[in-house]
Protein backbone atom coordinates (compact mmCIF):
# COMPACT_ATOMS: atom_id res chain seq x y z
CA MET A 1 102.04 -7.17 -22.82
CA LYS A 2 98.72 -7.77 -22.53
CA ARG A 3 96.92 -11.18 -20.96
CA VAL A 4 93.89 -13.12 -21.34
CA LEU A 5 92.38 -15.50 -18.85
CA PHE A 6 91.44 -18.72 -20.73
CA ILE A 7 89.55 -21.39 -18.68
CA GLN A 8 90.19 -24.69 -19.58
CA ASN A 9 87.27 -27.13 -18.87
CA GLY A 10 88.65 -30.41 -19.67
CA GLU A 11 92.07 -32.23 -20.23
CA GLN A 12 91.54 -32.11 -24.12
CA ASP A 13 89.82 -28.99 -24.37
CA HIS A 14 92.31 -26.59 -25.17
CA PRO A 15 92.48 -22.99 -26.90
CA GLY A 16 93.68 -24.29 -29.76
CA LEU A 17 93.93 -21.70 -32.11
CA PHE A 18 93.18 -18.92 -29.94
CA ALA A 19 95.97 -19.53 -28.26
CA LYS A 20 97.90 -19.10 -31.50
CA VAL A 21 95.87 -15.97 -32.78
CA LEU A 22 96.43 -14.20 -29.58
CA ARG A 23 100.01 -15.12 -29.76
CA ASP A 24 100.80 -13.46 -32.98
CA HIS A 25 99.18 -10.35 -31.81
CA GLY A 26 101.35 -10.03 -28.45
CA VAL A 27 99.34 -11.45 -26.31
CA ALA A 28 100.03 -13.82 -23.69
CA LEU A 29 97.26 -16.08 -22.58
CA ASP A 30 97.23 -17.77 -19.02
CA VAL A 31 95.49 -20.86 -18.68
CA VAL A 32 93.63 -22.33 -16.16
CA ASN A 33 91.92 -25.76 -16.02
CA ALA A 34 89.38 -25.60 -13.76
CA GLY A 35 88.03 -28.98 -14.84
CA CYS A 36 91.13 -30.21 -14.19
CA GLY A 37 91.23 -29.00 -10.61
CA GLU A 38 93.16 -25.98 -10.97
CA SER A 39 91.44 -23.17 -8.95
CA THR A 40 89.34 -20.15 -11.03
CA PRO A 41 90.75 -16.67 -9.77
CA GLY A 42 88.95 -14.71 -7.74
CA ASP A 43 88.86 -11.21 -10.11
CA LEU A 44 90.45 -10.61 -13.00
CA ASP A 45 92.70 -7.68 -11.84
CA ARG A 46 95.81 -8.99 -13.94
CA TRP A 47 94.06 -9.85 -17.36
CA ALA A 48 92.48 -7.30 -19.93
CA GLY A 49 89.89 -10.16 -21.09
CA ILE A 50 88.74 -14.14 -20.60
CA ALA A 51 87.41 -16.89 -22.69
CA VAL A 52 85.71 -19.00 -20.84
CA GLY A 53 86.53 -22.69 -22.96
CA GLY A 54 84.36 -26.33 -24.02
CA GLY A 55 84.20 -29.26 -21.97
CA GLY A 56 82.30 -32.75 -22.21
CA ILE A 57 79.65 -31.49 -19.00
CA SER A 58 76.44 -29.14 -18.85
CA ALA A 59 76.30 -25.78 -17.98
CA TYR A 60 73.73 -26.91 -15.56
CA GLU A 61 75.45 -30.19 -13.42
CA LYS A 62 76.44 -27.42 -10.51
CA GLU A 63 76.45 -30.08 -7.94
CA ARG A 64 78.61 -32.29 -9.53
CA TYR A 65 80.90 -29.49 -10.80
CA PRO A 66 80.56 -27.28 -8.27
CA PHE A 67 83.61 -25.01 -9.89
CA LEU A 68 81.16 -24.48 -12.48
CA ARG A 69 79.75 -21.28 -10.16
CA ASP A 70 82.66 -20.34 -9.96
CA GLU A 71 83.06 -19.74 -13.47
CA GLU A 72 79.75 -18.15 -13.29
CA ALA A 73 80.79 -15.71 -10.59
CA LEU A 74 83.34 -14.33 -12.52
CA ILE A 75 81.62 -13.85 -15.67
CA LEU A 76 79.57 -12.10 -13.68
CA SER A 77 82.44 -10.79 -12.52
CA ALA A 78 83.83 -9.85 -16.10
CA ARG A 79 80.64 -8.49 -17.38
CA ALA A 80 79.98 -5.41 -14.01
CA ALA A 81 83.87 -4.49 -15.40
CA GLY A 82 83.24 -4.15 -18.69
CA LYS A 83 86.29 -6.69 -19.33
CA PRO A 84 86.20 -8.33 -22.90
CA MET A 85 84.67 -12.07 -22.89
CA LEU A 86 84.28 -15.40 -25.22
CA GLY A 87 82.28 -17.83 -23.82
CA MET A 88 82.95 -21.19 -26.82
CA CYS A 89 80.25 -24.28 -26.57
CA LEU A 90 79.75 -24.90 -22.81
CA GLY A 91 81.61 -21.29 -22.08
CA ALA A 92 79.01 -19.67 -24.16
CA GLN A 93 76.25 -21.70 -21.91
CA LEU A 94 77.73 -21.11 -19.32
CA MET A 95 77.78 -17.21 -20.15
CA ALA A 96 74.17 -17.68 -21.11
CA GLY A 97 73.13 -19.01 -17.53
CA ALA A 98 75.04 -16.34 -16.07
CA LEU A 99 74.21 -13.53 -17.37
CA GLY A 100 69.73 -14.13 -17.19
CA GLY A 101 69.83 -17.30 -20.15
CA LYS A 102 68.32 -20.87 -19.47
CA VAL A 103 70.78 -23.62 -20.56
CA PHE A 104 69.01 -26.99 -21.09
CA PRO A 105 69.51 -29.99 -23.34
CA ASN A 106 69.01 -29.40 -27.21
CA ARG A 107 66.51 -31.06 -29.16
CA ALA A 108 69.38 -33.68 -30.80
CA LYS A 109 73.27 -33.66 -30.56
CA GLU A 110 74.85 -31.04 -33.06
CA ILE A 111 78.12 -32.85 -33.81
CA GLY A 112 79.85 -32.47 -37.41
CA PHE A 113 80.06 -30.22 -39.47
CA TYR A 114 76.89 -27.82 -40.29
CA ASP A 115 76.44 -24.58 -41.84
CA VAL A 116 75.51 -21.30 -39.41
CA ARG A 117 74.61 -18.49 -41.34
CA PHE A 118 74.41 -15.41 -39.59
CA THR A 119 71.40 -12.44 -39.20
CA PRO A 120 71.35 -9.05 -40.43
CA ALA A 121 72.93 -7.67 -37.10
CA ALA A 122 76.25 -9.11 -37.86
CA GLU A 123 76.85 -7.44 -41.02
CA ASP A 124 77.08 -4.02 -38.46
CA ASP A 125 78.90 -5.57 -35.83
CA TRP A 126 82.58 -4.82 -35.10
CA LEU A 127 84.09 -8.71 -34.39
CA TRP A 128 82.31 -10.11 -37.16
CA LYS A 129 81.35 -7.79 -39.98
CA GLY A 130 81.82 -9.83 -44.07
CA CYS A 131 81.82 -13.14 -42.32
CA ALA A 132 79.49 -15.58 -44.59
CA THR A 133 77.49 -18.61 -44.03
CA PHE A 134 80.66 -21.10 -43.07
CA ARG A 135 80.78 -24.67 -41.14
CA PRO A 136 83.31 -24.66 -37.70
CA THR A 137 83.39 -27.79 -35.44
CA GLN A 138 80.23 -28.44 -33.49
CA TRP A 139 80.13 -30.44 -30.40
CA HIS A 140 77.42 -30.36 -28.20
CA GLY A 141 74.29 -31.74 -26.86
CA ASP A 142 73.06 -28.56 -24.75
CA THR A 143 71.80 -25.45 -25.85
CA PHE A 144 70.26 -22.33 -24.13
CA SER A 145 67.99 -19.10 -24.33
CA LEU A 146 69.78 -15.80 -24.84
CA PRO A 147 69.98 -13.68 -21.96
CA PRO A 148 67.86 -10.32 -21.84
CA GLY A 149 69.74 -7.62 -23.73
CA ALA A 150 71.41 -10.30 -26.12
CA VAL A 151 71.69 -9.77 -29.83
CA LEU A 152 71.36 -12.76 -31.92
CA LEU A 153 74.33 -13.07 -34.88
CA ALA A 154 74.51 -16.34 -35.80
CA SER A 155 71.93 -19.61 -36.11
CA SER A 156 71.90 -23.55 -37.79
CA ASP A 157 69.15 -25.96 -38.45
CA LEU A 158 69.60 -27.69 -35.57
CA THR A 159 70.53 -24.79 -33.16
CA GLU A 160 68.80 -21.25 -32.94
CA ASN A 161 71.05 -19.61 -30.82
CA GLN A 162 74.65 -20.41 -32.08
CA LEU A 163 76.77 -17.13 -31.76
CA PHE A 164 75.29 -13.36 -29.10
CA ARG A 165 76.52 -10.48 -28.36
CA LEU A 166 75.64 -8.47 -25.45
CA ASP A 167 76.95 -5.32 -25.83
CA ASP A 168 80.20 -4.90 -27.68
CA THR A 169 82.44 -6.59 -24.99
CA SER A 170 80.80 -10.25 -24.11
CA TYR A 171 79.92 -12.67 -26.88
CA GLY A 172 79.07 -16.61 -26.70
CA LEU A 173 80.13 -18.75 -29.66
CA GLN A 174 78.09 -22.05 -29.20
CA PHE A 175 80.29 -23.48 -32.39
CA HIS A 176 84.12 -24.34 -31.62
CA LEU A 177 86.09 -21.37 -33.40
CA GLU A 178 88.95 -22.23 -31.72
CA MET A 179 89.43 -26.00 -32.05
CA ASP A 180 92.40 -26.70 -34.88
CA GLU A 181 93.18 -30.45 -35.97
CA ALA A 182 95.30 -30.99 -33.46
CA VAL A 183 92.85 -30.65 -30.83
CA LEU A 184 89.52 -32.28 -32.16
CA THR A 185 91.87 -35.28 -33.23
CA GLU A 186 93.17 -35.85 -29.19
CA MET A 187 89.60 -35.41 -28.57
CA VAL A 188 88.48 -37.85 -30.52
CA GLU A 189 91.27 -40.07 -30.11
CA THR A 190 90.48 -40.19 -26.25
CA ASP A 191 86.81 -40.10 -26.57
CA ASP A 192 86.41 -43.45 -25.36
CA GLY A 193 83.58 -44.72 -27.55
CA TRP A 194 81.25 -41.92 -26.70
CA LEU A 195 80.91 -40.99 -30.22
CA PRO A 196 79.85 -44.37 -31.51
CA GLN A 197 77.27 -44.14 -29.13
CA ASN A 198 75.63 -40.92 -30.45
CA GLY A 199 75.54 -42.26 -33.70
CA VAL A 200 78.84 -40.54 -35.25
CA ASP A 201 82.02 -42.63 -36.98
CA PRO A 202 84.90 -41.12 -34.98
CA GLN A 203 86.87 -41.95 -38.24
CA GLN A 204 84.57 -39.92 -40.80
CA PHE A 205 84.42 -37.23 -38.31
CA LEU A 206 87.81 -36.26 -38.89
CA ARG A 207 88.22 -37.15 -42.18
CA GLU A 208 85.37 -34.33 -42.63
CA ALA A 209 87.58 -32.27 -40.63
CA ARG A 210 90.71 -32.08 -42.50
CA LEU A 211 88.41 -30.70 -45.28
CA ALA A 212 86.74 -28.43 -43.37
CA ILE A 213 88.93 -26.59 -40.56
CA PRO A 214 91.09 -25.54 -42.75
CA LYS A 215 88.50 -23.63 -44.42
CA VAL A 216 87.02 -22.11 -40.82
CA GLU A 217 90.67 -20.85 -40.01
CA PRO A 218 90.72 -17.87 -41.70
CA VAL A 219 87.39 -17.06 -40.01
CA ALA A 220 89.05 -17.46 -37.04
CA ARG A 221 91.76 -16.20 -37.69
CA SER A 222 89.54 -12.81 -38.27
CA VAL A 223 87.33 -12.77 -35.26
CA PHE A 224 90.25 -13.77 -32.64
CA GLY A 225 93.03 -10.64 -34.38
CA ARG A 226 89.67 -8.33 -33.95
CA TRP A 227 89.58 -9.05 -30.93
CA ALA A 228 92.81 -9.22 -29.35
CA GLU A 229 93.62 -5.54 -31.15
CA ARG A 230 90.67 -4.25 -29.29
CA LEU A 231 91.98 -5.37 -26.18
CA PRO A 232 92.25 -2.51 -23.05
């Protein structure tokens, strides 16, 4: 059985729909919760691919969270070995930073459901072709510049770099394609006041999610399924 490594960066930042789709395609997912103290592997010899999840910290906070350096080292290792790689939210920022881009605070926090529009380059992309404008979950305050050689595949009004590709193996997603209703509900219910402090009504966020997430799920299943089928 093929195996994929998922790096989790917080107690509630589960792989969600990503895990379900991989299981449906006969792929095992091994979760390492670096954000809760579990050690990041030093190599990827056991795994066919890697995904790096989101989290409530910033990619540039390496002094405060030294495990981020280990994740960046693993990202570089995956890139050098040509291993299929997905980065989701914080994971995309870590990918961008490790591979030569810059991570920095966005001009505003993007929290909720906003149109993500694809560039012409996405029309011929093996992973994203056929996808149209959609509204995935957004929950981030940082953004990044594209690493050298990256191709921009999608943008939103607030965040230009929503989705990028390096070659045909590495993809960074600023949005949360993996987030199902159960994951988002747990995150909101354990938020401890951060959302209201940033102008977001938690209950309204969940009401919008009940309408938005089911519409995103077919896209997630298609993209994660194609990714799983192409694992070496």
